[in-house]
């Protein structure tokens, strides 16, 4: 049971510990680099967010704020996760995973639409 939690946690809580955000909204990264594939996805998401700044600054600011909020909340969770039961962790972890995946999907969607709109 704890092994599953550890695997799920490491798959989600990854990347960007050494990467500093480029915006004025710099938030201390809440993720630890553990699993390369998840880390690469987080890095790709942050790169797409940075690219969005050039094509849609309003969306960039919105998503940067969301990213900072998720990062801050995840950091708070990491600080207490060893103090709560496995049941609580199993309940909460999917919510954090969904939050970052959903945000990255929205960033990718808006970036694609913004770049494509400039082709015409």
PDB file of N, CA and C in Angstrom:
ATOM      1  N   UNK A   1       0.820  -1.173   0.000  1.00  0.00           N
ATOM      2  CA  UNK A   1       0.000   0.000   0.000  1.00  0.00           C
ATOM      3  C   UNK A   1       0.875   1.252   0.000  1.00  0.00           C
ATOM      4  N   UNK A   2       1.882   1.291   0.877  1.00  0.00           N
ATOM      5  CA  UNK A   2       2.773   2.447   0.898  1.00  0.00           C
ATOM      6  C   UNK A   2       3.610   2.515  -0.364  1.00  0.00           C
ATOM      7  N   UNK A   3       3.932   1.343  -0.926  1.00  0.00           N
ATOM      8  CA  UNK A   3       4.704   1.322  -2.172  1.00  0.00           C
ATOM      9  C   UNK A   3       3.903   1.989  -3.286  1.00  0.00           C
ATOM     10  N   UNK A   4       2.598   1.695  -3.357  1.00  0.00           N
ATOM     11  CA  UNK A   4       1.740   2.306  -4.362  1.00  0.00           C
ATOM     12  C   UNK A   4       1.694   3.817  -4.178  1.00  0.00           C
ATOM     13  N   UNK A   5       1.561   4.263  -2.945  1.00  0.00           N
ATOM     14  CA  UNK A   5       1.526   5.698  -2.669  1.00  0.00           C
ATOM     15  C   UNK A   5       2.829   6.357  -3.096  1.00  0.00           C
ATOM     16  N   UNK A   6       3.945   5.710  -2.771  1.00  0.00           N
ATOM     17  CA  UNK A   6       5.243   6.252  -3.148  1.00  0.00           C
ATOM     18  C   UNK A   6       5.352   6.377  -4.663  1.00  0.00           C
ATOM     19  N   UNK A   7       4.937   5.352  -5.390  1.00  0.00           N
ATOM     20  CA  UNK A   7       5.009   5.385  -6.854  1.00  0.00           C
ATOM     21  C   UNK A   7       4.104   6.481  -7.398  1.00  0.00           C
ATOM     22  N   UNK A   8       2.877   6.540  -6.893  1.00  0.00           N
ATOM     23  CA  UNK A   8       1.945   7.569  -7.366  1.00  0.00           C
ATOM     24  C   UNK A   8       2.466   8.962  -7.047  1.00  0.00           C
ATOM     25  N   UNK A   9       3.021   9.119  -5.861  1.00  0.00           N
ATOM     26  CA  UNK A   9       3.553  10.420  -5.465  1.00  0.00           C
ATOM     27  C   UNK A   9       4.728  10.826  -6.334  1.00  0.00           C
ATOM     28  N   UNK A  10       5.631   9.897  -6.586  1.00  0.00           N
ATOM     29  CA  UNK A  10       6.806  10.247  -7.382  1.00  0.00           C
ATOM     30  C   UNK A  10       6.445  10.525  -8.830  1.00  0.00           C
ATOM     31  N   UNK A  11       5.403   9.870  -9.332  1.00  0.00           N
ATOM     32  CA  UNK A  11       4.980  10.152 -10.704  1.00  0.00           C
ATOM     33  C   UNK A  11       4.410  11.553 -10.840  1.00  0.00           C
ATOM     34  N   UNK A  12       3.796  12.034  -9.774  1.00  0.00           N
ATOM     35  CA  UNK A  12       3.183  13.352  -9.852  1.00  0.00           C
ATOM     36  C   UNK A  12       4.114  14.474  -9.418  1.00  0.00           C
ATOM     37  N   UNK A  13       4.741  14.301  -8.301  1.00  0.00           N
ATOM     38  CA  UNK A  13       5.526  15.388  -7.716  1.00  0.00           C
ATOM     39  C   UNK A  13       6.928  15.389  -8.291  1.00  0.00           C
ATOM     40  N   UNK A  14       7.063  15.915  -9.499  1.00  0.00           N
ATOM     41  CA  UNK A  14       8.333  15.845 -10.201  1.00  0.00           C
ATOM     42  C   UNK A  14       8.745  17.179 -10.785  1.00  0.00           C
ATOM     43  N   UNK A  15       9.962  17.206 -11.265  1.00  0.00           N
ATOM     44  CA  UNK A  15      10.478  18.237 -12.143  1.00  0.00           C
ATOM     45  C   UNK A  15      10.751  19.583 -11.523  1.00  0.00           C
ATOM     46  N   UNK A  16      11.156  20.460 -12.220  1.00  0.00           N
ATOM     47  CA  UNK A  16      11.351  21.885 -12.067  1.00  0.00           C
ATOM     48  C   UNK A  16      11.982  22.389 -10.774  1.00  0.00           C
ATOM     49  N   UNK A  17      12.608  21.561  -9.978  1.00  0.00           N
ATOM     50  CA  UNK A  17      13.260  22.056  -8.772  1.00  0.00           C
ATOM     51  C   UNK A  17      14.441  22.959  -9.100  1.00  0.00           C
ATOM     52  N   UNK A  18      15.129  22.662 -10.193  1.00  0.00           N
ATOM     53  CA  UNK A  18      16.277  23.476 -10.575  1.00  0.00           C
ATOM     54  C   UNK A  18      15.914  24.540 -11.595  1.00  0.00           C
ATOM     55  N   UNK A  19      14.662  24.547 -12.053  1.00  0.00           N
ATOM     56  CA  UNK A  19      14.236  25.473 -13.096  1.00  0.00           C
ATOM     57  C   UNK A  19      13.558  26.673 -12.461  1.00  0.00           C
ATOM     58  N   UNK A  20      13.978  27.865 -12.795  1.00  0.00           N
ATOM     59  CA  UNK A  20      13.378  29.079 -12.274  1.00  0.00           C
ATOM     60  C   UNK A  20      12.451  29.653 -13.336  1.00  0.00           C
ATOM     61  N   UNK A  21      11.247  29.973 -12.954  1.00  0.00           N
ATOM     62  CA  UNK A  21      10.273  30.529 -13.886  1.00  0.00           C
ATOM     63  C   UNK A  21      10.774  31.867 -14.416  1.00  0.00           C
ATOM     64  N   UNK A  22      10.338  32.198 -15.633  1.00  0.00           N
ATOM     65  CA  UNK A  22      10.807  33.411 -16.277  1.00  0.00           C
ATOM     66  C   UNK A  22       9.954  34.627 -15.965  1.00  0.00           C
ATOM     67  N   UNK A  23       8.821  34.446 -15.335  1.00  0.00           N
ATOM     68  CA  UNK A  23       7.935  35.581 -15.124  1.00  0.00           C
ATOM     69  C   UNK A  23       8.234  36.286 -13.811  1.00  0.00           C
ATOM     70  N   UNK A  24       7.528  37.393 -13.622  1.00  0.00           N
ATOM     71  CA  UNK A  24       7.656  38.100 -12.360  1.00  0.00           C
ATOM     72  C   UNK A  24       6.862  37.391 -11.266  1.00  0.00           C
ATOM     73  N   UNK A  25       6.136  36.348 -11.644  1.00  0.00           N
ATOM     74  CA  UNK A  25       5.336  35.588 -10.692  1.00  0.00           C
ATOM     75  C   UNK A  25       6.105  34.382 -10.175  1.00  0.00           C
ATOM     76  N   UNK A  26       7.407  34.466 -10.124  1.00  0.00           N
ATOM     77  CA  UNK A  26       8.208  33.317  -9.723  1.00  0.00           C
ATOM     78  C   UNK A  26       7.685  32.739  -8.415  1.00  0.00           C
ATOM     79  N   UNK A  27       7.356  31.458  -8.466  1.00  0.00           N
ATOM     80  CA  UNK A  27       6.957  30.740  -7.263  1.00  0.00           C
ATOM     81  C   UNK A  27       7.965  29.643  -7.051  1.00  0.00           C
ATOM     82  N   UNK A  28       8.257  29.379  -5.825  1.00  0.00           N
ATOM     83  CA  UNK A  28       9.206  28.315  -5.551  1.00  0.00           C
ATOM     84  C   UNK A  28       8.584  27.008  -5.998  1.00  0.00           C
ATOM     85  N   UNK A  29       9.273  26.240  -6.840  1.00  0.00           N
ATOM     86  CA  UNK A  29       8.698  24.994  -7.351  1.00  0.00           C
ATOM     87  C   UNK A  29       8.379  24.030  -6.219  1.00  0.00           C
ATOM     88  N   UNK A  30       7.238  23.393  -6.343  1.00  0.00           N
ATOM     89  CA  UNK A  30       6.797  22.475  -5.308  1.00  0.00           C
ATOM     90  C   UNK A  30       7.068  21.031  -5.684  1.00  0.00           C
ATOM     91  N   UNK A  31       7.723  20.808  -6.783  1.00  0.00           N
ATOM     92  CA  UNK A  31       7.923  19.456  -7.273  1.00  0.00           C
ATOM     93  C   UNK A  31       9.368  19.037  -7.104  1.00  0.00           C
ATOM     94  N   UNK A  32       9.583  17.767  -6.869  1.00  0.00           N
ATOM     95  CA  UNK A  32      10.937  17.239  -6.732  1.00  0.00           C
ATOM     96  C   UNK A  32      11.224  16.347  -7.925  1.00  0.00           C
ATOM     97  N   UNK A  33      12.419  16.452  -8.460  1.00  0.00           N
ATOM     98  CA  UNK A  33      12.764  15.639  -9.618  1.00  0.00           C
ATOM     99  C   UNK A  33      13.012  14.201  -9.185  1.00  0.00           C
ATOM    100  N   UNK A  34      12.115  13.303  -9.596  1.00  0.00           N
ATOM    101  CA  UNK A  34      12.238  11.906  -9.210  1.00  0.00           C
ATOM    102  C   UNK A  34      12.133  10.993 -10.418  1.00  0.00           C
ATOM    103  N   UNK A  35      11.102  11.181 -11.230  1.00  0.00           N
ATOM    104  CA  UNK A  35      10.852  10.296 -12.359  1.00  0.00           C
ATOM    105  C   UNK A  35      11.007  11.100 -13.644  1.00  0.00           C
ATOM    106  N   UNK A  36      11.882  10.666 -14.539  1.00  0.00           N
ATOM    107  CA  UNK A  36      12.211  11.435 -15.733  1.00  0.00           C
ATOM    108  C   UNK A  36      11.015  11.718 -16.633  1.00  0.00           C
ATOM    109  N   UNK A  37      10.166  10.726 -16.888  1.00  0.00           N
ATOM    110  CA  UNK A  37       9.060  10.960 -17.816  1.00  0.00           C
ATOM    111  C   UNK A  37       8.105  12.024 -17.294  1.00  0.00           C
ATOM    112  N   UNK A  38       7.758  11.987 -16.024  1.00  0.00           N
ATOM    113  CA  UNK A  38       6.876  12.999 -15.454  1.00  0.00           C
ATOM    114  C   UNK A  38       7.579  14.343 -15.402  1.00  0.00           C
ATOM    115  N   UNK A  39       8.848  14.326 -15.072  1.00  0.00           N
ATOM    116  CA  UNK A  39       9.631  15.553 -15.035  1.00  0.00           C
ATOM    117  C   UNK A  39       9.660  16.206 -16.410  1.00  0.00           C
ATOM    118  N   UNK A  40       9.832  15.395 -17.433  1.00  0.00           N
ATOM    119  CA  UNK A  40       9.845  15.928 -18.797  1.00  0.00           C
ATOM    120  C   UNK A  40       8.500  16.531 -19.165  1.00  0.00           C
ATOM    121  N   UNK A  41       7.411  15.910 -18.715  1.00  0.00           N
ATOM    122  CA  UNK A  41       6.086  16.462 -19.010  1.00  0.00           C
ATOM    123  C   UNK A  41       5.890  17.807 -18.322  1.00  0.00           C
ATOM    124  N   UNK A  42       6.340  17.923 -17.080  1.00  0.00           N
ATOM    125  CA  UNK A  42       6.224  19.191 -16.364  1.00  0.00           C
ATOM    126  C   UNK A  42       7.077  20.251 -17.052  1.00  0.00           C
ATOM    127  N   UNK A  43       8.300  19.897 -17.437  1.00  0.00           N
ATOM    128  CA  UNK A  43       9.180  20.843 -18.129  1.00  0.00           C
ATOM    129  C   UNK A  43       8.567  21.280 -19.456  1.00  0.00           C
ATOM    130  N   UNK A  44       8.001  20.321 -20.184  1.00  0.00           N
ATOM    131  CA  UNK A  44       7.358  20.652 -21.461  1.00  0.00           C
ATOM    132  C   UNK A  44       6.188  21.603 -21.235  1.00  0.00           C
ATOM    133  N   UNK A  45       5.435  21.368 -20.200  1.00  0.00           N
ATOM    134  CA  UNK A  45       4.303  22.234 -19.864  1.00  0.00           C
ATOM    135  C   UNK A  45       4.799  23.650 -19.560  1.00  0.00           C
ATOM    136  N   UNK A  46       5.872  23.759 -18.782  1.00  0.00           N
ATOM    137  CA  UNK A  46       6.418  25.080 -18.455  1.00  0.00           C
ATOM    138  C   UNK A  46       6.980  25.778 -19.692  1.00  0.00           C
ATOM    139  N   UNK A  47       7.573  25.015 -20.601  1.00  0.00           N
ATOM    140  CA  UNK A  47       8.079  25.603 -21.844  1.00  0.00           C
ATOM    141  C   UNK A  47       6.931  26.104 -22.709  1.00  0.00           C
ATOM    142  N   UNK A  48       5.852  25.340 -22.765  1.00  0.00           N
ATOM    143  CA  UNK A  48       4.689  25.771 -23.541  1.00  0.00           C
ATOM    144  C   UNK A  48       4.058  27.006 -22.902  1.00  0.00           C
ATOM    145  N   UNK A  49       4.054  27.069 -21.585  1.00  0.00           N
ATOM    146  CA  UNK A  49       3.552  28.259 -20.900  1.00  0.00           C
ATOM    147  C   UNK A  49       4.411  29.471 -21.253  1.00  0.00           C
ATOM    148  N   UNK A  50       5.728  29.298 -21.257  1.00  0.00           N
ATOM    149  CA  UNK A  50       6.631  30.401 -21.617  1.00  0.00           C
ATOM    150  C   UNK A  50       6.402  30.841 -23.064  1.00  0.00           C
ATOM    151  N   UNK A  51       6.171  29.880 -23.959  1.00  0.00           N
ATOM    152  CA  UNK A  51       5.910  30.210 -25.366  1.00  0.00           C
ATOM    153  C   UNK A  51       4.585  30.955 -25.519  1.00  0.00           C
ATOM    154  N   UNK A  52       3.617  30.611 -24.684  1.00  0.00           N
ATOM    155  CA  UNK A  52       2.317  31.276 -24.747  1.00  0.00           C
ATOM    156  C   UNK A  52       2.441  32.772 -24.476  1.00  0.00           C
ATOM    157  N   UNK A  53       3.437  33.158 -23.711  1.00  0.00           N
ATOM    158  CA  UNK A  53       3.656  34.574 -23.391  1.00  0.00           C
ATOM    159  C   UNK A  53       3.824  35.407 -24.659  1.00  0.00           C
ATOM    160  N   UNK A  54       4.478  34.836 -25.674  1.00  0.00           N
ATOM    161  CA  UNK A  54       4.698  35.559 -26.928  1.00  0.00           C
ATOM    162  C   UNK A  54       3.453  35.638 -27.805  1.00  0.00           C
ATOM    163  N   UNK A  55       2.573  34.652 -27.692  1.00  0.00           N
ATOM    164  CA  UNK A  55       1.422  34.582 -28.582  1.00  0.00           C
ATOM    165  C   UNK A  55       0.125  35.069 -27.947  1.00  0.00           C
ATOM    166  N   UNK A  56       0.012  34.936 -26.635  1.00  0.00           N
ATOM    167  CA  UNK A  56      -1.215  35.335 -25.955  1.00  0.00           C
ATOM    168  C   UNK A  56      -0.875  35.732 -24.507  1.00  0.00           C
ATOM    169  N   UNK A  57      -0.379  36.960 -24.326  1.00  0.00           N
ATOM    170  CA  UNK A  57       0.062  37.398 -22.993  1.00  0.00           C
ATOM    171  C   UNK A  57      -1.032  37.347 -21.917  1.00  0.00           C
ATOM    172  N   UNK A  58      -2.275  37.577 -22.314  1.00  0.00           N
ATOM    173  CA  UNK A  58      -3.369  37.541 -21.335  1.00  0.00           C
ATOM    174  C   UNK A  58      -3.553  36.113 -20.805  1.00  0.00           C
ATOM    175  N   UNK A  59      -3.580  35.146 -21.717  1.00  0.00           N
ATOM    176  CA  UNK A  59      -3.701  33.741 -21.303  1.00  0.00           C
ATOM    177  C   UNK A  59      -2.478  33.321 -20.499  1.00  0.00           C
ATOM    178  N   UNK A  60      -1.300  33.798 -20.899  1.00  0.00           N
ATOM    179  CA  UNK A  60      -0.076  33.481 -20.164  1.00  0.00           C
ATOM    180  C   UNK A  60      -0.190  33.908 -18.702  1.00  0.00           C
ATOM    181  N   UNK A  61      -0.611  35.136 -18.465  1.00  0.00           N
ATOM    182  CA  UNK A  61      -0.734  35.642 -17.097  1.00  0.00           C
ATOM    183  C   UNK A  61      -1.732  34.808 -16.296  1.00  0.00           C
ATOM    184  N   UNK A  62      -2.836  34.468 -16.922  1.00  0.00           N
ATOM    185  CA  UNK A  62      -3.867  33.658 -16.266  1.00  0.00           C
ATOM    186  C   UNK A  62      -3.301  32.294 -15.870  1.00  0.00           C
ATOM    187  N   UNK A  63      -2.652  31.616 -16.815  1.00  0.00           N
ATOM    188  CA  UNK A  63      -2.137  30.279 -16.541  1.00  0.00           C
ATOM    189  C   UNK A  63      -0.920  30.308 -15.621  1.00  0.00           C
ATOM    190  N   UNK A  64      -0.132  31.356 -15.686  1.00  0.00           N
ATOM    191  CA  UNK A  64       1.005  31.467 -14.761  1.00  0.00           C
ATOM    192  C   UNK A  64       0.488  31.578 -13.329  1.00  0.00           C
ATOM    193  N   UNK A  65      -0.587  32.341 -13.155  1.00  0.00           N
ATOM    194  CA  UNK A  65      -1.202  32.452 -11.837  1.00  0.00           C
ATOM    195  C   UNK A  65      -1.737  31.115 -11.340  1.00  0.00           C
ATOM    196  N   UNK A  66      -2.373  30.366 -12.246  1.00  0.00           N
ATOM    197  CA  UNK A  66      -2.875  29.040 -11.873  1.00  0.00           C
ATOM    198  C   UNK A  66      -1.722  28.112 -11.517  1.00  0.00           C
ATOM    199  N   UNK A  67      -0.655  28.160 -12.319  1.00  0.00           N
ATOM    200  CA  UNK A  67       0.506  27.306 -12.053  1.00  0.00           C
ATOM    201  C   UNK A  67       1.115  27.646 -10.688  1.00  0.00           C
ATOM    202  N   UNK A  68       1.267  28.921 -10.416  1.00  0.00           N
ATOM    203  CA  UNK A  68       1.824  29.348  -9.128  1.00  0.00           C
ATOM    204  C   UNK A  68       0.957  28.872  -7.966  1.00  0.00           C
ATOM    205  N   UNK A  69      -0.355  28.952  -8.133  1.00  0.00           N
ATOM    206  CA  UNK A  69      -1.278  28.519  -7.090  1.00  0.00           C
ATOM    207  C   UNK A  69      -1.182  27.012  -6.851  1.00  0.00           C
ATOM    208  N   UNK A  70      -1.153  26.234  -7.933  1.00  0.00           N
ATOM    209  CA  UNK A  70      -1.022  24.779  -7.806  1.00  0.00           C
ATOM    210  C   UNK A  70       0.306  24.442  -7.140  1.00  0.00           C
ATOM    211  N   UNK A  71       1.358  25.119  -7.549  1.00  0.00           N
ATOM    212  CA  UNK A  71       2.681  24.875  -6.981  1.00  0.00           C
ATOM    213  C   UNK A  71       2.690  25.181  -5.482  1.00  0.00           C
ATOM    214  N   UNK A  72       2.105  26.289  -5.104  1.00  0.00           N
ATOM    215  CA  UNK A  72       2.053  26.693  -3.696  1.00  0.00           C
ATOM    216  C   UNK A  72       1.263  25.674  -2.874  1.00  0.00           C
ATOM    217  N   UNK A  73       0.093  25.274  -3.380  1.00  0.00           N
ATOM    218  CA  UNK A  73      -0.739  24.318  -2.659  1.00  0.00           C
ATOM    219  C   UNK A  73      -0.086  22.945  -2.572  1.00  0.00           C
ATOM    220  N   UNK A  74       0.608  22.549  -3.621  1.00  0.00           N
ATOM    221  CA  UNK A  74       1.298  21.262  -3.605  1.00  0.00           C
ATOM    222  C   UNK A  74       2.422  21.284  -2.585  1.00  0.00           C
ATOM    223  N   UNK A  75       3.112  22.396  -2.506  1.00  0.00           N
ATOM    224  CA  UNK A  75       4.195  22.518  -1.525  1.00  0.00           C
ATOM    225  C   UNK A  75       3.631  22.389  -0.108  1.00  0.00           C
ATOM    226  N   UNK A  76       2.491  23.014   0.153  1.00  0.00           N
ATOM    227  CA  UNK A  76       1.854  22.888   1.461  1.00  0.00           C
ATOM    228  C   UNK A  76       1.481  21.434   1.737  1.00  0.00           C
ATOM    229  N   UNK A  77       0.942  20.766   0.741  1.00  0.00           N
ATOM    230  CA  UNK A  77       0.563  19.359   0.899  1.00  0.00           C
ATOM    231  C   UNK A  77       1.781  18.486   1.191  1.00  0.00           C
ATOM    232  N   UNK A  78       2.861  18.709   0.465  1.00  0.00           N
ATOM    233  CA  UNK A  78       4.078  17.929   0.684  1.00  0.00           C
ATOM    234  C   UNK A  78       4.547  18.096   2.128  1.00  0.00           C
ATOM    235  N   UNK A  79       4.375  19.272   2.671  1.00  0.00           N
ATOM    236  CA  UNK A  79       4.790  19.536   4.039  1.00  0.00           C
ATOM    237  C   UNK A  79       4.026  18.751   5.092  1.00  0.00           C
ATOM    238  N   UNK A  80       2.810  18.330   4.778  1.00  0.00           N
ATOM    239  CA  UNK A  80       2.007  17.609   5.768  1.00  0.00           C
ATOM    240  C   UNK A  80       1.722  16.164   5.396  1.00  0.00           C
ATOM    241  N   UNK A  81       2.076  15.740   4.191  1.00  0.00           N
ATOM    242  CA  UNK A  81       1.635  14.423   3.727  1.00  0.00           C
ATOM    243  C   UNK A  81       2.130  13.277   4.586  1.00  0.00           C
ATOM    244  N   UNK A  82       3.263  13.407   5.238  1.00  0.00           N
ATOM    245  CA  UNK A  82       3.760  12.334   6.107  1.00  0.00           C
ATOM    246  C   UNK A  82       3.043  12.325   7.455  1.00  0.00           C
ATOM    247  N   UNK A  83       2.286  13.366   7.728  1.00  0.00           N
ATOM    248  CA  UNK A  83       1.584  13.480   9.002  1.00  0.00           C
ATOM    249  C   UNK A  83       0.141  12.986   8.927  1.00  0.00           C
ATOM    250  N   UNK A  84      -0.310  12.652   7.719  1.00  0.00           N
ATOM    251  CA  UNK A  84      -1.698  12.210   7.551  1.00  0.00           C
ATOM    252  C   UNK A  84      -1.731  10.745   7.133  1.00  0.00           C
ATOM    253  N   UNK A  85      -2.889  10.150   7.266  1.00  0.00           N
ATOM    254  CA  UNK A  85      -3.039   8.726   6.970  1.00  0.00           C
ATOM    255  C   UNK A  85      -2.932   8.449   5.473  1.00  0.00           C
ATOM    256  N   UNK A  86      -2.680   7.192   5.152  1.00  0.00           N
ATOM    257  CA  UNK A  86      -2.649   6.770   3.753  1.00  0.00           C
ATOM    258  C   UNK A  86      -3.987   7.035   3.069  1.00  0.00           C
ATOM    259  N   UNK A  87      -5.084   6.861   3.813  1.00  0.00           N
ATOM    260  CA  UNK A  87      -6.404   7.109   3.245  1.00  0.00           C
ATOM    261  C   UNK A  87      -6.536   8.545   2.761  1.00  0.00           C
ATOM    262  N   UNK A  88      -6.055   9.474   3.558  1.00  0.00           N
ATOM    263  CA  UNK A  88      -6.113  10.888   3.159  1.00  0.00           C
ATOM    264  C   UNK A  88      -5.237  11.109   1.933  1.00  0.00           C
ATOM    265  N   UNK A  89      -4.044  10.546   1.937  1.00  0.00           N
ATOM    266  CA  UNK A  89      -3.150  10.710   0.788  1.00  0.00           C
ATOM    267  C   UNK A  89      -3.744  10.112  -0.484  1.00  0.00           C
ATOM    268  N   UNK A  90      -4.368   8.948  -0.374  1.00  0.00           N
ATOM    269  CA  UNK A  90      -4.995   8.332  -1.544  1.00  0.00           C
ATOM    270  C   UNK A  90      -6.154   9.163  -2.074  1.00  0.00           C
ATOM    271  N   UNK A  91      -6.797   9.871  -1.191  1.00  0.00           N
ATOM    272  CA  UNK A  91      -7.904  10.730  -1.590  1.00  0.00           C
ATOM    273  C   UNK A  91      -7.415  12.022  -2.234  1.00  0.00           C
ATOM    274  N   UNK A  92      -6.375  12.610  -1.671  1.00  0.00           N
ATOM    275  CA  UNK A  92      -5.916  13.932  -2.094  1.00  0.00           C
ATOM    276  C   UNK A  92      -5.007  13.886  -3.323  1.00  0.00           C
ATOM    277  N   UNK A  93      -4.132  12.905  -3.412  1.00  0.00           N
ATOM    278  CA  UNK A  93      -3.142  12.857  -4.495  1.00  0.00           C
ATOM    279  C   UNK A  93      -3.765  12.953  -5.896  1.00  0.00           C
ATOM    280  N   UNK A  94      -4.830  12.222  -6.198  1.00  0.00           N
ATOM    281  CA  UNK A  94      -5.413  12.349  -7.538  1.00  0.00           C
ATOM    282  C   UNK A  94      -5.887  13.767  -7.866  1.00  0.00           C
ATOM    283  N   UNK A  95      -6.324  14.498  -6.852  1.00  0.00           N
ATOM    284  CA  UNK A  95      -6.762  15.882  -7.092  1.00  0.00           C
ATOM    285  C   UNK A  95      -5.587  16.756  -7.539  1.00  0.00           C
ATOM    286  N   UNK A  96      -4.432  16.596  -6.898  1.00  0.00           N
ATOM    287  CA  UNK A  96      -3.257  17.347  -7.317  1.00  0.00           C
ATOM    288  C   UNK A  96      -2.806  16.918  -8.716  1.00  0.00           C
ATOM    289  N   UNK A  97      -2.830  15.621  -8.982  1.00  0.00           N
ATOM    290  CA  UNK A  97      -2.446  15.123 -10.301  1.00  0.00           C
ATOM    291  C   UNK A  97      -3.362  15.697 -11.373  1.00  0.00           C
ATOM    292  N   UNK A  98      -4.657  15.682 -11.116  1.00  0.00           N
ATOM    293  CA  UNK A  98      -5.609  16.222 -12.078  1.00  0.00           C
ATOM    294  C   UNK A  98      -5.382  17.714 -12.296  1.00  0.00           C
ATOM    295  N   UNK A  99      -5.134  18.435 -11.237  1.00  0.00           N
ATOM    296  CA  UNK A  99      -4.955  19.888 -11.345  1.00  0.00           C
ATOM    297  C   UNK A  99      -3.827  20.246 -12.301  1.00  0.00           C
ATOM    298  N   UNK A 100      -2.667  19.614 -12.148  1.00  0.00           N
ATOM    299  CA  UNK A 100      -1.540  19.967 -13.008  1.00  0.00           C
ATOM    300  C   UNK A 100      -1.754  19.456 -14.425  1.00  0.00           C
ATOM    301  N   UNK A 101      -2.302  18.260 -14.578  1.00  0.00           N
ATOM    302  CA  UNK A 101      -2.556  17.736 -15.929  1.00  0.00           C
ATOM    303  C   UNK A 101      -3.578  18.575 -16.660  1.00  0.00           C
ATOM    304  N   UNK A 102      -4.635  18.980 -15.971  1.00  0.00           N
ATOM    305  CA  UNK A 102      -5.664  19.804 -16.586  1.00  0.00           C
ATOM    306  C   UNK A 102      -5.095  21.166 -16.994  1.00  0.00           C
ATOM    307  N   UNK A 103      -4.293  21.761 -16.127  1.00  0.00           N
ATOM    308  CA  UNK A 103      -3.673  23.039 -16.462  1.00  0.00           C
ATOM    309  C   UNK A 103      -2.777  22.899 -17.693  1.00  0.00           C
ATOM    310  N   UNK A 104      -1.962  21.869 -17.735  1.00  0.00           N
ATOM    311  CA  UNK A 104      -1.070  21.672 -18.880  1.00  0.00           C
ATOM    312  C   UNK A 104      -1.865  21.462 -20.169  1.00  0.00           C
ATOM    313  N   UNK A 105      -2.991  20.776 -20.080  1.00  0.00           N
ATOM    314  CA  UNK A 105      -3.847  20.603 -21.256  1.00  0.00           C
ATOM    315  C   UNK A 105      -4.382  21.952 -21.728  1.00  0.00           C
ATOM    316  N   UNK A 106      -4.842  22.782 -20.798  1.00  0.00           N
ATOM    317  CA  UNK A 106      -5.375  24.100 -21.177  1.00  0.00           C
ATOM    318  C   UNK A 106      -4.280  24.965 -21.800  1.00  0.00           C
ATOM    319  N   UNK A 107      -3.074  24.906 -21.246  1.00  0.00           N
ATOM    320  CA  UNK A 107      -1.957  25.671 -21.803  1.00  0.00           C
ATOM    321  C   UNK A 107      -1.671  25.219 -23.229  1.00  0.00           C
ATOM    322  N   UNK A 108      -1.576  23.912 -23.433  1.00  0.00           N
ATOM    323  CA  UNK A 108      -1.293  23.372 -24.764  1.00  0.00           C
ATOM    324  C   UNK A 108      -2.393  23.747 -25.759  1.00  0.00           C
ATOM    325  N   UNK A 109      -3.638  23.661 -25.320  1.00  0.00           N
ATOM    326  CA  UNK A 109      -4.755  24.010 -26.194  1.00  0.00           C
ATOM    327  C   UNK A 109      -4.690  25.475 -26.616  1.00  0.00           C
ATOM    328  N   UNK A 110      -4.523  26.376 -25.645  1.00  0.00           N
ATOM    329  CA  UNK A 110      -4.477  27.801 -25.970  1.00  0.00           C
ATOM    330  C   UNK A 110      -3.250  28.167 -26.795  1.00  0.00           C
ATOM    331  N   UNK A 111      -2.128  27.525 -26.515  1.00  0.00           N
ATOM    332  CA  UNK A 111      -0.927  27.785 -27.318  1.00  0.00           C
ATOM    333  C   UNK A 111      -1.156  27.349 -28.762  1.00  0.00           C
ATOM    334  N   UNK A 112      -1.709  26.164 -28.950  1.00  0.00           N
ATOM    335  CA  UNK A 112      -1.987  25.678 -30.306  1.00  0.00           C
ATOM    336  C   UNK A 112      -2.944  26.602 -31.045  1.00  0.00           C
ATOM    337  N   UNK A 113      -4.000  27.009 -30.372  1.00  0.00           N
ATOM    338  CA  UNK A 113      -4.984  27.902 -31.005  1.00  0.00           C
ATOM    339  C   UNK A 113      -4.356  29.260 -31.310  1.00  0.00           C
ATOM    340  N   UNK A 114      -3.544  29.774 -30.430  1.00  0.00           N
ATOM    341  CA  UNK A 114      -2.930  31.085 -30.649  1.00  0.00           C
ATOM    342  C   UNK A 114      -1.942  31.056 -31.804  1.00  0.00           C
ATOM    343  N   UNK A 115      -1.133  30.015 -31.866  1.00  0.00           N
ATOM    344  CA  UNK A 115      -0.162  29.895 -32.963  1.00  0.00           C
ATOM    345  C   UNK A 115      -0.899  29.690 -34.277  1.00  0.00           C
ATOM    346  N   UNK A 116      -1.894  28.820 -34.282  1.00  0.00           N
ATOM    347  CA  UNK A 116      -2.639  28.539 -35.512  1.00  0.00           C
ATOM    348  C   UNK A 116      -3.384  29.782 -36.011  1.00  0.00           C
ATOM    349  N   UNK A 117      -3.878  30.607 -35.106  1.00  0.00           N
ATOM    350  CA  UNK A 117      -4.617  31.790 -35.526  1.00  0.00           C
ATOM    351  C   UNK A 117      -3.736  32.806 -36.238  1.00  0.00           C
ATOM    352  N   UNK A 118      -2.442  32.756 -35.999  1.00  0.00           N
ATOM    353  CA  UNK A 118      -1.534  33.687 -36.653  1.00  0.00           C
ATOM    354  C   UNK A 118      -1.084  33.219 -38.026  1.00  0.00           C
ATOM    355  N   UNK A 119      -1.429  31.979 -38.370  1.00  0.00           N
ATOM    356  CA  UNK A 119      -1.070  31.443 -39.686  1.00  0.00           C
ATOM    357  C   UNK A 119      -1.909  32.081 -40.768  1.00  0.00           C
ATOM    358  N   UNK A 120      -3.149  32.363 -40.475  1.00  0.00           N
ATOM    359  CA  UNK A 120      -4.071  32.933 -41.483  1.00  0.00           C
ATOM    360  C   UNK A 120      -3.710  34.309 -41.831  1.00  0.00           C
TER     361      UNK A 120
END
